[in-house]
């Protein structure tokens, strides 16, 4: 299955995918950047909710 990172929009191979509790799959490097705008646990959660 082809997955694109919601932050950098590049393809993320299955073996490099990291899943967040909000349901987004992303590159491990983008996972740390995602924490602030995560729709479930981020300080700027409204951004993640708006983007979905």
Protein backbone atom coordinates (compact mmCIF):
# COMPACT_ATOMS: atom_id res chain seq x y z
CA UNK A 1 0.00 0.00 0.00
CA UNK A 2 1.31 3.42 -0.93
CA UNK A 3 1.41 5.94 1.89
CA UNK A 4 2.35 9.61 1.78
CA UNK A 5 3.63 11.51 4.78
CA UNK A 6 1.13 14.25 5.77
CA UNK A 7 3.99 16.68 6.50
CA UNK A 8 6.47 16.28 3.66
CA UNK A 9 4.09 14.48 1.22
CA UNK A 10 6.73 12.03 0.03
CA UNK A 11 6.13 8.30 -0.23
CA UNK A 12 6.90 6.37 2.95
CA UNK A 13 7.80 2.69 2.49
CA UNK A 14 5.97 0.27 4.79
CA UNK A 15 9.13 -0.63 6.70
CA UNK A 16 9.75 3.05 7.57
CA UNK A 17 6.20 4.01 8.54
CA UNK A 18 5.51 5.28 12.03
CA UNK A 19 1.87 5.42 13.11
CA UNK A 20 0.54 8.13 15.38
CA UNK A 21 -2.46 7.68 17.69
CA UNK A 22 -4.41 10.08 15.44
CA UNK A 23 -4.19 7.56 12.60
CA UNK A 24 -1.56 9.25 10.44
CA UNK A 25 1.32 7.22 9.03
CA UNK A 26 4.51 9.12 8.43
CA UNK A 27 8.27 9.02 8.13
CA UNK A 28 10.10 8.64 11.44
CA UNK A 29 11.86 11.97 10.85
CA UNK A 30 8.52 13.78 10.47
CA UNK A 31 6.96 12.08 13.49
CA UNK A 32 8.67 14.45 15.94
CA UNK A 33 7.55 17.51 13.97
CA UNK A 34 3.98 16.14 13.87
CA UNK A 35 3.69 16.05 17.66
CA UNK A 36 2.84 19.76 18.00
CA UNK A 37 -0.05 19.75 15.51
CA UNK A 38 -1.38 16.24 16.15
CA UNK A 39 -5.20 16.30 16.19
CA UNK A 40 -5.26 14.13 19.33
CA UNK A 41 -2.43 15.32 21.55
CA UNK A 42 -0.79 18.41 20.11
CA UNK A 43 -0.60 21.90 21.52
CA UNK A 44 -1.78 23.19 18.12
CA UNK A 45 -4.31 20.39 17.63
CA UNK A 46 -6.69 22.65 15.72
CA UNK A 47 -4.21 22.65 12.81
CA UNK A 48 -4.20 18.87 12.60
CA UNK A 49 -7.98 18.72 12.88
CA UNK A 50 -8.36 21.35 10.16
CA UNK A 51 -5.92 19.55 7.81
CA UNK A 52 -7.79 16.23 8.07
